[in-house]
């Protein structure tokens, strides 16, 4: 499994550097990949040059940079944390969702000043640190963030790690009734 770089900014800088090296050496994709001994680096190269991955990242980054002020800062902070944990972003329902094997969480801008981080399987999380609030919902639990400075990073990372562990170990079973 390929481990993504710590932030999307590092990813885009790395992609530009690799593109420069590839064009300056005037090599084809296969010849360029041959120069790297590590299978991990080869996997990064394939991922970075994948048009689908670049398109997805551009859409998510466009969404983030389309916001203003503290919302942008909070969303960028959370996005970098989630990308550092090898979750793949994808725009669904006009907001960024983050995937492992299935949906883990999504980031939803609320009003004009806050970001709501919703855990799709929040009802199955322990919530030992009291970070999550179900707000009367049966499955989704969330927390609101107004400023980066107010985020309890250790509690947040603990909750995210628990959600990832749940996603990796317990398969998601839909609660929907079968169609008749």
N, C-alpha and C. Protein backbone atom coordinates (compact mmCIF):
# COMPACT_ATOMS: atom_id res chain seq x y z
N UNK A 1 0.83 -1.18 0.00
CA UNK A 1 0.00 0.00 0.00
C UNK A 1 0.88 1.24 0.00
N UNK A 2 0.51 2.25 -0.78
CA UNK A 2 1.27 3.47 -0.90
C UNK A 2 0.90 4.41 0.23
N UNK A 3 1.88 4.97 0.88
CA UNK A 3 1.66 5.94 1.95
C UNK A 3 1.83 7.32 1.35
N UNK A 4 0.78 8.15 1.46
CA UNK A 4 0.84 9.49 0.87
C UNK A 4 1.75 10.40 1.67
N UNK A 5 2.35 11.40 1.01
CA UNK A 5 3.15 12.38 1.74
C UNK A 5 2.29 13.10 2.77
N UNK A 6 2.93 13.79 3.72
CA UNK A 6 2.25 14.39 4.85
C UNK A 6 1.19 15.42 4.47
N UNK A 7 1.37 16.18 3.42
CA UNK A 7 0.38 17.19 3.08
C UNK A 7 0.21 17.27 1.57
N UNK A 8 -0.97 17.77 1.14
CA UNK A 8 -1.18 17.92 -0.30
C UNK A 8 -0.23 18.93 -0.92
N UNK A 9 0.23 19.90 -0.12
CA UNK A 9 1.18 20.88 -0.64
C UNK A 9 2.50 20.20 -0.99
N UNK A 10 2.96 19.31 -0.12
CA UNK A 10 4.18 18.54 -0.37
C UNK A 10 3.97 17.69 -1.61
N UNK A 11 2.79 17.10 -1.73
CA UNK A 11 2.46 16.25 -2.87
C UNK A 11 2.55 17.04 -4.17
N UNK A 12 1.98 18.26 -4.20
CA UNK A 12 2.01 19.03 -5.43
C UNK A 12 3.43 19.52 -5.74
N UNK A 13 4.21 19.88 -4.72
CA UNK A 13 5.61 20.29 -4.95
C UNK A 13 6.41 19.12 -5.47
N UNK A 14 6.18 17.94 -4.91
CA UNK A 14 6.86 16.74 -5.36
C UNK A 14 6.50 16.43 -6.81
N UNK A 15 5.23 16.59 -7.15
CA UNK A 15 4.79 16.32 -8.52
C UNK A 15 5.47 17.28 -9.50
N UNK A 16 5.58 18.55 -9.13
CA UNK A 16 6.25 19.52 -10.01
C UNK A 16 7.73 19.18 -10.19
N UNK A 17 8.39 18.78 -9.10
CA UNK A 17 9.79 18.40 -9.17
C UNK A 17 9.98 17.19 -10.08
N UNK A 18 9.14 16.20 -9.91
CA UNK A 18 9.24 14.99 -10.72
C UNK A 18 8.98 15.31 -12.20
N UNK A 19 7.99 16.16 -12.45
CA UNK A 19 7.69 16.55 -13.83
C UNK A 19 8.91 17.24 -14.45
N UNK A 20 9.55 18.13 -13.68
CA UNK A 20 10.74 18.82 -14.17
C UNK A 20 11.86 17.82 -14.49
N UNK A 21 12.11 16.89 -13.56
CA UNK A 21 13.16 15.89 -13.79
C UNK A 21 12.85 15.04 -15.02
N UNK A 22 11.60 14.63 -15.11
CA UNK A 22 11.21 13.77 -16.23
C UNK A 22 11.39 14.48 -17.56
N UNK A 23 10.96 15.74 -17.65
CA UNK A 23 11.07 16.46 -18.91
C UNK A 23 12.52 16.86 -19.21
N UNK A 24 13.30 17.18 -18.16
CA UNK A 24 14.69 17.55 -18.42
C UNK A 24 15.52 16.33 -18.85
N UNK A 25 15.16 15.15 -18.36
CA UNK A 25 15.86 13.94 -18.79
C UNK A 25 15.31 13.41 -20.11
N UNK A 26 14.18 13.95 -20.56
CA UNK A 26 13.50 13.56 -21.80
C UNK A 26 13.31 12.04 -21.88
N UNK A 27 12.66 11.50 -20.86
CA UNK A 27 12.43 10.07 -20.79
C UNK A 27 10.94 9.75 -20.89
N UNK A 28 10.64 8.56 -21.36
CA UNK A 28 9.26 8.10 -21.34
C UNK A 28 8.90 7.71 -19.91
N UNK A 29 7.61 7.46 -19.64
CA UNK A 29 7.17 7.09 -18.30
C UNK A 29 7.90 5.85 -17.79
N UNK A 30 7.98 4.81 -18.61
CA UNK A 30 8.62 3.56 -18.19
C UNK A 30 10.11 3.74 -17.95
N UNK A 31 10.78 4.47 -18.83
CA UNK A 31 12.22 4.70 -18.66
C UNK A 31 12.47 5.54 -17.41
N UNK A 32 11.59 6.52 -17.15
CA UNK A 32 11.74 7.36 -15.97
C UNK A 32 11.58 6.54 -14.70
N UNK A 33 10.59 5.67 -14.66
CA UNK A 33 10.36 4.84 -13.48
C UNK A 33 11.49 3.85 -13.26
N UNK A 34 12.16 3.43 -14.32
CA UNK A 34 13.26 2.48 -14.23
C UNK A 34 14.41 3.04 -13.39
N UNK A 35 14.59 4.37 -13.38
CA UNK A 35 15.70 4.99 -12.65
C UNK A 35 15.53 4.93 -11.14
N UNK A 36 14.35 4.60 -10.66
CA UNK A 36 14.10 4.55 -9.23
C UNK A 36 14.14 3.10 -8.76
N UNK A 37 15.00 2.81 -7.80
CA UNK A 37 15.17 1.45 -7.30
C UNK A 37 14.03 1.04 -6.36
N UNK A 38 13.55 1.95 -5.56
CA UNK A 38 12.56 1.64 -4.55
C UNK A 38 11.18 1.45 -5.17
N UNK A 39 10.52 0.36 -4.79
CA UNK A 39 9.16 0.10 -5.27
C UNK A 39 8.20 1.15 -4.72
N UNK A 40 8.48 1.64 -3.50
CA UNK A 40 7.63 2.65 -2.88
C UNK A 40 7.67 3.94 -3.70
N UNK A 41 8.88 4.34 -4.14
CA UNK A 41 9.01 5.55 -4.94
C UNK A 41 8.33 5.36 -6.29
N UNK A 42 8.46 4.18 -6.89
CA UNK A 42 7.79 3.91 -8.16
C UNK A 42 6.27 4.02 -7.99
N UNK A 43 5.76 3.51 -6.88
CA UNK A 43 4.32 3.59 -6.61
C UNK A 43 3.89 5.05 -6.46
N UNK A 44 4.71 5.87 -5.78
CA UNK A 44 4.42 7.30 -5.66
C UNK A 44 4.35 7.95 -7.04
N UNK A 45 5.30 7.60 -7.90
CA UNK A 45 5.35 8.19 -9.23
C UNK A 45 4.08 7.86 -10.02
N UNK A 46 3.68 6.61 -9.96
CA UNK A 46 2.48 6.19 -10.67
C UNK A 46 1.27 6.94 -10.13
N UNK A 47 1.19 7.06 -8.79
CA UNK A 47 0.09 7.78 -8.17
C UNK A 47 0.10 9.25 -8.56
N UNK A 48 1.26 9.88 -8.52
CA UNK A 48 1.36 11.30 -8.83
C UNK A 48 1.01 11.62 -10.28
N UNK A 49 1.36 10.71 -11.18
CA UNK A 49 1.09 10.98 -12.58
C UNK A 49 -0.26 10.45 -13.03
N UNK A 50 -1.01 9.88 -12.12
CA UNK A 50 -2.33 9.40 -12.45
C UNK A 50 -3.26 10.60 -12.66
N UNK A 51 -3.86 10.74 -13.85
CA UNK A 51 -4.76 11.87 -14.11
C UNK A 51 -5.97 11.88 -13.17
N UNK A 52 -6.43 10.72 -12.79
CA UNK A 52 -7.59 10.66 -11.91
C UNK A 52 -7.25 11.24 -10.54
N UNK A 53 -6.10 10.86 -9.99
CA UNK A 53 -5.69 11.36 -8.67
C UNK A 53 -5.50 12.87 -8.71
N UNK A 54 -4.83 13.37 -9.76
CA UNK A 54 -4.61 14.82 -9.86
C UNK A 54 -5.93 15.56 -9.95
N UNK A 55 -6.89 15.04 -10.71
CA UNK A 55 -8.19 15.69 -10.85
C UNK A 55 -8.92 15.74 -9.53
N UNK A 56 -8.91 14.64 -8.78
CA UNK A 56 -9.57 14.59 -7.48
C UNK A 56 -8.94 15.60 -6.53
N UNK A 57 -7.60 15.62 -6.46
CA UNK A 57 -6.92 16.55 -5.56
C UNK A 57 -7.20 18.00 -5.95
N UNK A 58 -7.25 18.29 -7.25
CA UNK A 58 -7.53 19.65 -7.69
C UNK A 58 -8.92 20.08 -7.27
N UNK A 59 -9.90 19.19 -7.36
CA UNK A 59 -11.27 19.54 -6.96
C UNK A 59 -11.35 19.81 -5.47
N UNK A 60 -10.70 18.98 -4.67
CA UNK A 60 -10.71 19.17 -3.22
C UNK A 60 -9.99 20.46 -2.85
N UNK A 61 -8.82 20.71 -3.44
CA UNK A 61 -8.08 21.93 -3.15
C UNK A 61 -8.84 23.17 -3.63
N UNK A 62 -9.52 23.09 -4.77
CA UNK A 62 -10.35 24.20 -5.24
C UNK A 62 -11.46 24.50 -4.24
N UNK A 63 -12.07 23.45 -3.70
CA UNK A 63 -13.11 23.62 -2.70
C UNK A 63 -12.56 24.34 -1.47
N UNK A 64 -11.41 23.89 -0.99
CA UNK A 64 -10.80 24.48 0.21
C UNK A 64 -10.45 25.95 -0.03
N UNK A 65 -9.80 26.25 -1.15
CA UNK A 65 -9.38 27.62 -1.41
C UNK A 65 -10.53 28.52 -1.85
N UNK A 66 -11.70 27.94 -2.09
CA UNK A 66 -12.90 28.73 -2.39
C UNK A 66 -13.54 29.31 -1.14
N UNK A 67 -13.12 28.84 0.02
CA UNK A 67 -13.65 29.36 1.28
C UNK A 67 -12.83 30.56 1.75
N UNK A 68 -13.36 31.27 2.74
CA UNK A 68 -12.70 32.49 3.22
C UNK A 68 -12.29 32.36 4.69
N UNK A 69 -11.31 33.11 5.09
CA UNK A 69 -10.93 33.32 6.48
C UNK A 69 -10.66 32.07 7.29
N UNK A 70 -11.27 32.03 8.49
CA UNK A 70 -10.99 30.93 9.42
C UNK A 70 -11.54 29.60 8.91
N UNK A 71 -12.60 29.65 8.11
CA UNK A 71 -13.11 28.40 7.54
C UNK A 71 -12.06 27.73 6.67
N UNK A 72 -11.38 28.52 5.85
CA UNK A 72 -10.33 27.98 4.98
C UNK A 72 -9.19 27.42 5.83
N UNK A 73 -8.77 28.15 6.85
CA UNK A 73 -7.67 27.71 7.70
C UNK A 73 -7.99 26.39 8.40
N UNK A 74 -9.20 26.31 8.96
CA UNK A 74 -9.61 25.09 9.67
C UNK A 74 -9.71 23.93 8.69
N UNK A 75 -10.34 24.16 7.55
CA UNK A 75 -10.51 23.09 6.56
C UNK A 75 -9.16 22.62 6.03
N UNK A 76 -8.25 23.53 5.79
CA UNK A 76 -6.91 23.16 5.32
C UNK A 76 -6.17 22.36 6.38
N UNK A 77 -6.27 22.78 7.63
CA UNK A 77 -5.64 22.07 8.74
C UNK A 77 -6.17 20.63 8.83
N UNK A 78 -7.50 20.48 8.80
CA UNK A 78 -8.11 19.15 8.90
C UNK A 78 -7.78 18.30 7.68
N UNK A 79 -7.78 18.92 6.50
CA UNK A 79 -7.45 18.20 5.26
C UNK A 79 -6.03 17.64 5.33
N UNK A 80 -5.09 18.45 5.79
CA UNK A 80 -3.70 17.99 5.89
C UNK A 80 -3.57 16.85 6.90
N UNK A 81 -4.29 16.93 8.02
CA UNK A 81 -4.25 15.85 9.02
C UNK A 81 -4.79 14.55 8.41
N UNK A 82 -5.91 14.64 7.70
CA UNK A 82 -6.53 13.44 7.11
C UNK A 82 -5.68 12.86 5.98
N UNK A 83 -5.07 13.73 5.18
CA UNK A 83 -4.20 13.25 4.10
C UNK A 83 -2.95 12.58 4.68
N UNK A 84 -2.47 13.08 5.79
CA UNK A 84 -1.31 12.49 6.46
C UNK A 84 -1.59 11.11 7.01
N UNK A 85 -2.87 10.77 7.16
CA UNK A 85 -3.27 9.45 7.67
C UNK A 85 -3.71 8.52 6.53
N UNK A 86 -3.31 8.86 5.31
CA UNK A 86 -3.54 8.02 4.12
C UNK A 86 -5.01 7.87 3.75
N UNK A 87 -5.81 8.87 4.05
CA UNK A 87 -7.21 8.83 3.62
C UNK A 87 -7.31 9.56 2.29
N UNK A 88 -8.12 9.03 1.40
CA UNK A 88 -8.27 9.63 0.09
C UNK A 88 -9.47 10.57 0.08
N UNK A 89 -9.27 11.80 -0.40
CA UNK A 89 -10.39 12.75 -0.45
C UNK A 89 -11.17 12.61 -1.74
N UNK A 90 -12.42 12.96 -1.68
CA UNK A 90 -13.26 12.96 -2.87
C UNK A 90 -14.44 13.89 -2.61
N UNK A 91 -14.79 14.69 -3.58
CA UNK A 91 -15.94 15.58 -3.42
C UNK A 91 -17.20 14.75 -3.67
N UNK A 92 -18.07 14.71 -2.67
CA UNK A 92 -19.38 14.04 -2.75
C UNK A 92 -20.39 14.98 -2.12
N UNK A 93 -21.53 15.12 -2.74
CA UNK A 93 -22.58 16.00 -2.23
C UNK A 93 -22.04 17.42 -2.01
N UNK A 94 -21.11 17.83 -2.85
CA UNK A 94 -20.50 19.16 -2.87
C UNK A 94 -19.63 19.48 -1.65
N UNK A 95 -19.19 18.46 -0.91
CA UNK A 95 -18.26 18.65 0.21
C UNK A 95 -17.20 17.54 0.18
N UNK A 96 -16.03 17.75 0.81
CA UNK A 96 -15.00 16.71 0.78
C UNK A 96 -15.28 15.56 1.77
N UNK A 97 -15.29 14.35 1.23
CA UNK A 97 -15.39 13.13 2.03
C UNK A 97 -14.01 12.48 2.02
N UNK A 98 -13.71 11.73 3.07
CA UNK A 98 -12.41 11.06 3.17
C UNK A 98 -12.66 9.58 3.35
N UNK A 99 -11.97 8.77 2.53
CA UNK A 99 -12.18 7.34 2.44
C UNK A 99 -11.00 6.54 2.94
N UNK A 100 -11.30 5.39 3.51
CA UNK A 100 -10.35 4.33 3.73
C UNK A 100 -10.89 3.20 2.86
N UNK A 101 -11.50 2.21 3.50
CA UNK A 101 -12.24 1.18 2.75
C UNK A 101 -13.62 1.70 2.40
N UNK A 102 -14.17 2.53 3.25
CA UNK A 102 -15.47 3.17 3.03
C UNK A 102 -15.38 4.60 3.55
N UNK A 103 -16.49 5.32 3.55
CA UNK A 103 -16.47 6.69 4.06
C UNK A 103 -16.08 6.69 5.53
N UNK A 104 -15.17 7.56 5.90
CA UNK A 104 -14.78 7.70 7.29
C UNK A 104 -15.34 8.99 7.86
N UNK A 105 -15.12 10.09 7.15
CA UNK A 105 -15.64 11.37 7.63
C UNK A 105 -15.82 12.33 6.47
N UNK A 106 -16.47 13.43 6.75
CA UNK A 106 -16.55 14.52 5.78
C UNK A 106 -16.47 15.85 6.51
N UNK A 107 -16.06 16.87 5.76
CA UNK A 107 -15.89 18.21 6.31
C UNK A 107 -16.94 19.12 5.69
N UNK A 108 -17.80 19.66 6.54
CA UNK A 108 -18.95 20.42 6.08
C UNK A 108 -18.88 21.86 6.59
N UNK A 109 -18.71 22.83 5.69
CA UNK A 109 -18.73 24.23 6.14
C UNK A 109 -20.12 24.59 6.67
N UNK A 110 -20.17 25.20 7.85
CA UNK A 110 -21.42 25.59 8.48
C UNK A 110 -21.43 27.11 8.65
N UNK A 111 -22.59 27.70 8.48
CA UNK A 111 -22.74 29.16 8.54
C UNK A 111 -21.60 29.83 7.77
N UNK A 112 -20.99 30.83 8.38
CA UNK A 112 -19.87 31.47 7.69
C UNK A 112 -18.57 31.39 8.46
N UNK A 113 -18.60 30.73 9.62
CA UNK A 113 -17.40 30.78 10.45
C UNK A 113 -16.89 29.43 10.91
N UNK A 114 -17.62 28.36 10.74
CA UNK A 114 -17.18 27.08 11.32
C UNK A 114 -17.19 25.95 10.30
N UNK A 115 -16.47 24.89 10.68
CA UNK A 115 -16.42 23.66 9.89
C UNK A 115 -16.90 22.53 10.79
N UNK A 116 -17.82 21.74 10.28
CA UNK A 116 -18.32 20.58 11.01
C UNK A 116 -17.62 19.34 10.47
N UNK A 117 -16.92 18.63 11.34
CA UNK A 117 -16.27 17.38 10.96
C UNK A 117 -17.19 16.25 11.40
N UNK A 118 -17.75 15.54 10.42
CA UNK A 118 -18.73 14.49 10.69
C UNK A 118 -18.11 13.12 10.46
N UNK A 119 -18.27 12.25 11.42
CA UNK A 119 -17.82 10.86 11.29
C UNK A 119 -19.02 10.02 10.90
N UNK A 120 -18.92 9.37 9.75
CA UNK A 120 -20.05 8.65 9.18
C UNK A 120 -20.53 7.52 10.09
N UNK A 121 -19.62 6.86 10.77
CA UNK A 121 -19.99 5.79 11.70
C UNK A 121 -19.78 6.24 13.15
N UNK A 122 -20.16 7.47 13.42
CA UNK A 122 -19.96 8.08 14.73
C UNK A 122 -20.66 7.34 15.85
N UNK A 123 -21.79 6.69 15.55
CA UNK A 123 -22.52 5.93 16.58
C UNK A 123 -21.73 4.71 17.06
N UNK A 124 -20.75 4.26 16.28
CA UNK A 124 -19.95 3.10 16.64
C UNK A 124 -18.64 3.48 17.33
N UNK A 125 -18.33 4.77 17.41
CA UNK A 125 -17.10 5.23 18.05
C UNK A 125 -17.33 5.39 19.55
N UNK A 126 -16.26 5.22 20.34
CA UNK A 126 -16.39 5.26 21.80
C UNK A 126 -16.62 6.67 22.34
N UNK A 127 -16.06 7.69 21.70
CA UNK A 127 -16.19 9.08 22.13
C UNK A 127 -15.73 9.27 23.58
N UNK A 128 -14.65 8.64 23.96
CA UNK A 128 -14.12 8.75 25.33
C UNK A 128 -13.69 10.17 25.67
N UNK A 129 -13.24 10.92 24.68
CA UNK A 129 -12.77 12.28 24.94
C UNK A 129 -13.89 13.31 24.87
N UNK A 130 -15.11 12.89 24.55
CA UNK A 130 -16.26 13.78 24.52
C UNK A 130 -16.25 14.78 23.38
N UNK A 131 -15.52 14.50 22.34
CA UNK A 131 -15.39 15.40 21.21
C UNK A 131 -16.64 15.40 20.32
N UNK A 132 -17.30 14.25 20.21
CA UNK A 132 -18.39 14.09 19.25
C UNK A 132 -19.76 14.37 19.85
N UNK A 133 -20.66 14.86 18.99
CA UNK A 133 -22.05 15.12 19.36
C UNK A 133 -22.93 14.58 18.24
N UNK A 134 -23.87 13.71 18.57
CA UNK A 134 -24.75 13.11 17.56
C UNK A 134 -25.86 14.06 17.12
N UNK A 135 -26.22 15.03 17.92
CA UNK A 135 -27.26 16.02 17.59
C UNK A 135 -28.57 15.35 17.16
N UNK A 136 -28.93 14.26 17.83
CA UNK A 136 -30.17 13.56 17.53
C UNK A 136 -30.11 12.64 16.31
N UNK A 137 -28.97 12.53 15.68
CA UNK A 137 -28.84 11.65 14.51
C UNK A 137 -28.54 10.24 14.98
N UNK A 138 -28.96 9.25 14.20
CA UNK A 138 -28.79 7.85 14.58
C UNK A 138 -27.40 7.31 14.27
N UNK A 139 -26.75 7.81 13.25
CA UNK A 139 -25.49 7.23 12.82
C UNK A 139 -24.33 8.22 12.86
N UNK A 140 -24.49 9.39 12.33
CA UNK A 140 -23.42 10.36 12.19
C UNK A 140 -23.23 11.14 13.50
N UNK A 141 -21.97 11.30 13.89
CA UNK A 141 -21.62 12.15 15.02
C UNK A 141 -20.59 13.17 14.53
N UNK A 142 -20.62 14.36 15.09
CA UNK A 142 -19.76 15.42 14.56
C UNK A 142 -19.25 16.33 15.66
N UNK A 143 -18.35 17.21 15.25
CA UNK A 143 -17.85 18.26 16.11
C UNK A 143 -17.63 19.51 15.27
N UNK A 144 -17.82 20.68 15.88
CA UNK A 144 -17.64 21.95 15.18
C UNK A 144 -16.31 22.58 15.56
N UNK A 145 -15.64 23.14 14.54
CA UNK A 145 -14.38 23.85 14.77
C UNK A 145 -14.52 25.25 14.19
N UNK A 146 -14.17 26.27 15.00
CA UNK A 146 -14.23 27.66 14.54
C UNK A 146 -12.86 28.22 14.18
N UNK A 147 -11.85 27.84 14.95
CA UNK A 147 -10.49 28.32 14.72
C UNK A 147 -9.51 27.19 14.92
N UNK A 148 -8.40 27.23 14.19
CA UNK A 148 -7.37 26.20 14.29
C UNK A 148 -6.80 26.16 15.71
N UNK A 149 -6.66 27.33 16.34
CA UNK A 149 -6.06 27.41 17.67
C UNK A 149 -6.88 26.68 18.73
N UNK A 150 -8.18 26.53 18.52
CA UNK A 150 -9.05 25.91 19.53
C UNK A 150 -9.19 24.40 19.36
N UNK A 151 -8.58 23.84 18.34
CA UNK A 151 -8.69 22.40 18.08
C UNK A 151 -7.81 21.62 19.04
N UNK A 152 -8.40 20.68 19.75
CA UNK A 152 -7.65 19.77 20.62
C UNK A 152 -7.11 18.66 19.71
N UNK A 153 -5.86 18.84 19.28
CA UNK A 153 -5.29 17.95 18.27
C UNK A 153 -5.18 16.50 18.74
N UNK A 154 -4.82 16.28 19.99
CA UNK A 154 -4.67 14.90 20.47
C UNK A 154 -6.03 14.19 20.51
N UNK A 155 -7.08 14.87 20.96
CA UNK A 155 -8.42 14.26 20.98
C UNK A 155 -8.92 14.01 19.56
N UNK A 156 -8.64 14.96 18.66
CA UNK A 156 -9.05 14.81 17.27
C UNK A 156 -8.36 13.61 16.63
N UNK A 157 -7.03 13.51 16.80
CA UNK A 157 -6.28 12.40 16.20
C UNK A 157 -6.70 11.06 16.80
N UNK A 158 -7.00 11.04 18.08
CA UNK A 158 -7.48 9.81 18.72
C UNK A 158 -8.80 9.35 18.10
N UNK A 159 -9.70 10.30 17.88
CA UNK A 159 -10.99 9.97 17.26
C UNK A 159 -10.82 9.52 15.82
N UNK A 160 -9.97 10.19 15.07
CA UNK A 160 -9.73 9.81 13.67
C UNK A 160 -9.11 8.42 13.61
N UNK A 161 -8.12 8.15 14.45
CA UNK A 161 -7.48 6.83 14.46
C UNK A 161 -8.50 5.74 14.81
N UNK A 162 -9.38 6.02 15.75
CA UNK A 162 -10.41 5.05 16.10
C UNK A 162 -11.35 4.80 14.92
N UNK A 163 -11.72 5.87 14.20
CA UNK A 163 -12.59 5.72 13.03
C UNK A 163 -11.90 4.91 11.93
N UNK A 164 -10.60 5.14 11.73
CA UNK A 164 -9.84 4.38 10.73
C UNK A 164 -9.76 2.92 11.13
N UNK A 165 -9.47 2.66 12.40
CA UNK A 165 -9.40 1.29 12.90
C UNK A 165 -10.73 0.57 12.72
N UNK A 166 -11.82 1.25 13.03
CA UNK A 166 -13.16 0.69 12.83
C UNK A 166 -13.40 0.35 11.36
N UNK A 167 -13.01 1.27 10.48
CA UNK A 167 -13.18 1.07 9.04
C UNK A 167 -12.37 -0.13 8.54
N UNK A 168 -11.18 -0.32 9.09
CA UNK A 168 -10.31 -1.41 8.64
C UNK A 168 -10.70 -2.76 9.22
N UNK A 169 -11.30 -2.78 10.40
CA UNK A 169 -11.56 -4.06 11.08
C UNK A 169 -13.01 -4.52 11.02
N UNK A 170 -13.96 -3.60 11.04
CA UNK A 170 -15.38 -3.97 11.04
C UNK A 170 -16.00 -3.50 9.74
N UNK A 171 -16.40 -4.43 8.87
CA UNK A 171 -16.99 -4.02 7.59
C UNK A 171 -18.27 -3.22 7.81
N UNK A 172 -18.46 -2.23 6.96
CA UNK A 172 -19.66 -1.41 7.06
C UNK A 172 -20.85 -2.21 6.55
N UNK A 173 -21.89 -2.25 7.35
CA UNK A 173 -23.13 -2.94 6.95
C UNK A 173 -24.23 -1.89 6.86
N UNK A 174 -24.81 -1.74 5.71
CA UNK A 174 -25.86 -0.75 5.51
C UNK A 174 -27.07 -1.08 6.38
N UNK A 175 -27.65 -0.05 6.95
CA UNK A 175 -28.82 -0.22 7.81
C UNK A 175 -30.13 -0.07 7.00
N UNK A 176 -30.01 0.17 5.72
CA UNK A 176 -31.19 0.37 4.88
C UNK A 176 -31.98 -0.92 4.75
N UNK A 177 -33.28 -0.74 4.62
CA UNK A 177 -34.15 -1.89 4.40
C UNK A 177 -34.02 -2.31 2.94
N UNK A 178 -34.04 -3.62 2.66
CA UNK A 178 -33.92 -4.05 1.26
C UNK A 178 -35.11 -3.58 0.44
N UNK A 179 -34.86 -3.27 -0.82
CA UNK A 179 -35.91 -2.83 -1.74
C UNK A 179 -36.85 -3.98 -2.04
N UNK A 180 -38.13 -3.69 -2.10
CA UNK A 180 -39.13 -4.73 -2.39
C UNK A 180 -39.50 -4.78 -3.83
